[in-house]
Amino acid sequence: MSTFASSYVPRDAHQPKGKQPWCATCDTDLHLAVDSIAVMDRRREILAVAFDCAQCGGARVLSTTVGFVAAVLARVEAT
């Protein structure tokens, strides 16, 4: 998906709108690993996703979209 930046920095004003997953401690999505996924709203493609950060060890659950999770998973598979 070419509309997404390779790394999300939440303080950057030019990031896409939506609930893109990111690590609040590291201020990036580069080190995220998906731990588990649950469907919240199938029609709107909203998921509850548990993420772990390999850099700082942080973890959180976030309501996000299928597209944002796919971008994180695609990057992990490419490495």
C-alpha atoms as a PDB file:
ATOM      1  CA  MET A   1       0.000   0.000   0.000  1.00  0.00           C
ATOM      2  CA  SER A   2       1.864   2.994  -1.235  1.00  0.00           C
ATOM      3  CA  THR A   3      -0.246   5.496   0.753  1.00  0.00           C
ATOM      4  CA  PHE A   4       1.420   4.478   4.037  1.00  0.00           C
ATOM      5  CA  ALA A   5       4.767   5.744   5.218  1.00  0.00           C
ATOM      6  CA  SER A   6       7.336   3.080   6.054  1.00  0.00           C
ATOM      7  CA  SER A   7       7.341   4.263   9.647  1.00  0.00           C
ATOM      8  CA  TYR A   8       4.674   6.053  11.630  1.00  0.00           C
ATOM      9  CA  VAL A   9       5.680   8.938  13.867  1.00  0.00           C
ATOM     10  CA  PRO A  10       2.514  10.188  15.600  1.00  0.00           C
ATOM     11  CA  ARG A  11       3.778  13.749  16.040  1.00  0.00           C
ATOM     12  CA  ASP A  12       4.288  14.170  12.282  1.00  0.00           C
ATOM     13  CA  ALA A  13       1.475  16.217  10.752  1.00  0.00           C
ATOM     14  CA  HIS A  14       1.701  14.500   7.348  1.00  0.00           C
ATOM     15  CA  GLN A  15       0.747  11.002   8.486  1.00  0.00           C
ATOM     16  CA  PRO A  16      -2.404   9.275   7.192  1.00  0.00           C
ATOM     17  CA  LYS A  17      -5.576   9.680   9.228  1.00  0.00           C
ATOM     18  CA  GLY A  18      -6.819   6.738  11.267  1.00  0.00           C
ATOM     19  CA  LYS A  19      -5.717   4.590  14.143  1.00  0.00           C
ATOM     20  CA  GLN A  20      -2.423   3.365  12.785  1.00  0.00           C
ATOM     21  CA  PRO A  21      -0.606   1.140  15.280  1.00  0.00           C
ATOM     22  CA  TRP A  22       2.567   2.583  16.801  1.00  0.00           C
ATOM     23  CA  CYS A  23       4.658   2.219  19.943  1.00  0.00           C
ATOM     24  CA  ALA A  24       4.007   5.108  22.337  1.00  0.00           C
ATOM     25  CA  THR A  25       7.465   4.697  23.891  1.00  0.00           C
ATOM     26  CA  CYS A  26       9.535   4.413  20.694  1.00  0.00           C
ATOM     27  CA  ASP A  27       7.260   6.734  18.615  1.00  0.00           C
ATOM     28  CA  THR A  28       7.459   4.384  15.644  1.00  0.00           C
ATOM     29  CA  ASP A  29       5.846   1.270  14.192  1.00  0.00           C
ATOM     30  CA  LEU A  30       9.124  -0.229  12.954  1.00  0.00           C
ATOM     31  CA  HIS A  31       9.484  -2.770  15.774  1.00  0.00           C
ATOM     32  CA  LEU A  32       5.884  -3.880  16.196  1.00  0.00           C
ATOM     33  CA  ALA A  33       4.906  -7.530  16.206  1.00  0.00           C
ATOM     34  CA  VAL A  34       1.279  -8.636  16.094  1.00  0.00           C
ATOM     35  CA  ASP A  35       0.455 -10.853  19.062  1.00  0.00           C
ATOM     36  CA  SER A  36      -3.263 -11.501  18.498  1.00  0.00           C
ATOM     37  CA  ILE A  37      -6.184 -10.200  16.429  1.00  0.00           C
ATOM     38  CA  ALA A  38      -9.932 -10.129  17.154  1.00  0.00           C
ATOM     39  CA  VAL A  39     -12.660  -8.817  14.843  1.00  0.00           C
ATOM     40  CA  MET A  40     -14.661  -5.950  16.369  1.00  0.00           C
ATOM     41  CA  ASP A  41     -16.723  -4.781  13.368  1.00  0.00           C
ATOM     42  CA  ARG A  42     -16.619  -6.966  10.264  1.00  0.00           C
ATOM     43  CA  ARG A  43     -18.506  -4.475   8.062  1.00  0.00           C
ATOM     44  CA  ARG A  44     -16.155  -1.576   8.781  1.00  0.00           C
ATOM     45  CA  GLU A  45     -13.089  -3.885   8.949  1.00  0.00           C
ATOM     46  CA  ILE A  46     -12.234  -2.792  12.501  1.00  0.00           C
ATOM     47  CA  LEU A  47      -9.978  -5.070  14.549  1.00  0.00           C
ATOM     48  CA  ALA A  48      -8.721  -5.210  18.112  1.00  0.00           C
ATOM     49  CA  VAL A  49      -5.041  -6.040  17.814  1.00  0.00           C
ATOM     50  CA  ALA A  50      -2.513  -6.788  20.534  1.00  0.00           C
ATOM     51  CA  PHE A  51       0.955  -5.518  19.606  1.00  0.00           C
ATOM     52  CA  ASP A  52       4.358  -6.051  21.194  1.00  0.00           C
ATOM     53  CA  CYS A  53       7.338  -3.783  20.539  1.00  0.00           C
ATOM     54  CA  ALA A  54      10.572  -5.711  20.000  1.00  0.00           C
ATOM     55  CA  GLN A  55      12.623  -2.565  20.694  1.00  0.00           C
ATOM     56  CA  CYS A  56      11.338  -1.491  24.135  1.00  0.00           C
ATOM     57  CA  GLY A  57       9.252  -4.480  25.197  1.00  0.00           C
ATOM     58  CA  GLY A  58       6.053  -2.437  25.398  1.00  0.00           C
ATOM     59  CA  ALA A  59       2.662  -3.954  24.628  1.00  0.00           C
ATOM     60  CA  ARG A  60      -0.796  -2.559  23.952  1.00  0.00           C
ATOM     61  CA  VAL A  61      -4.147  -3.414  22.430  1.00  0.00           C
ATOM     62  CA  LEU A  62      -5.447  -1.024  19.798  1.00  0.00           C
ATOM     63  CA  SER A  63      -8.640  -0.680  17.788  1.00  0.00           C
ATOM     64  CA  THR A  64      -7.405  -0.299  14.223  1.00  0.00           C
ATOM     65  CA  THR A  65      -8.213  -1.168  10.618  1.00  0.00           C
ATOM     66  CA  VAL A  66      -7.399  -4.170   8.496  1.00  0.00           C
ATOM     67  CA  GLY A  67      -5.313  -1.974   6.180  1.00  0.00           C
ATOM     68  CA  PHE A  68      -3.060  -0.668   8.948  1.00  0.00           C
ATOM     69  CA  VAL A  69      -2.463  -4.162  10.368  1.00  0.00           C
ATOM     70  CA  ALA A  70      -1.741  -5.485   6.878  1.00  0.00           C
ATOM     71  CA  ALA A  71       0.951  -2.820   6.424  1.00  0.00           C
ATOM     72  CA  VAL A  72       2.671  -3.887   9.668  1.00  0.00           C
ATOM     73  CA  LEU A  73       2.431  -7.597   8.776  1.00  0.00           C
ATOM     74  CA  ALA A  74       3.732  -7.016   5.232  1.00  0.00           C
ATOM     75  CA  ARG A  75       6.809  -5.245   6.579  1.00  0.00           C
ATOM     76  CA  VAL A  76       7.521  -8.055   9.038  1.00  0.00           C
ATOM     77  CA  GLU A  77       7.236 -10.678   6.283  1.00  0.00           C
ATOM     78  CA  ALA A  78       9.585  -8.675   4.021  1.00  0.00           C
ATOM     79  CA  THR A  79      12.435  -8.816   6.561  1.00  0.00           C
END
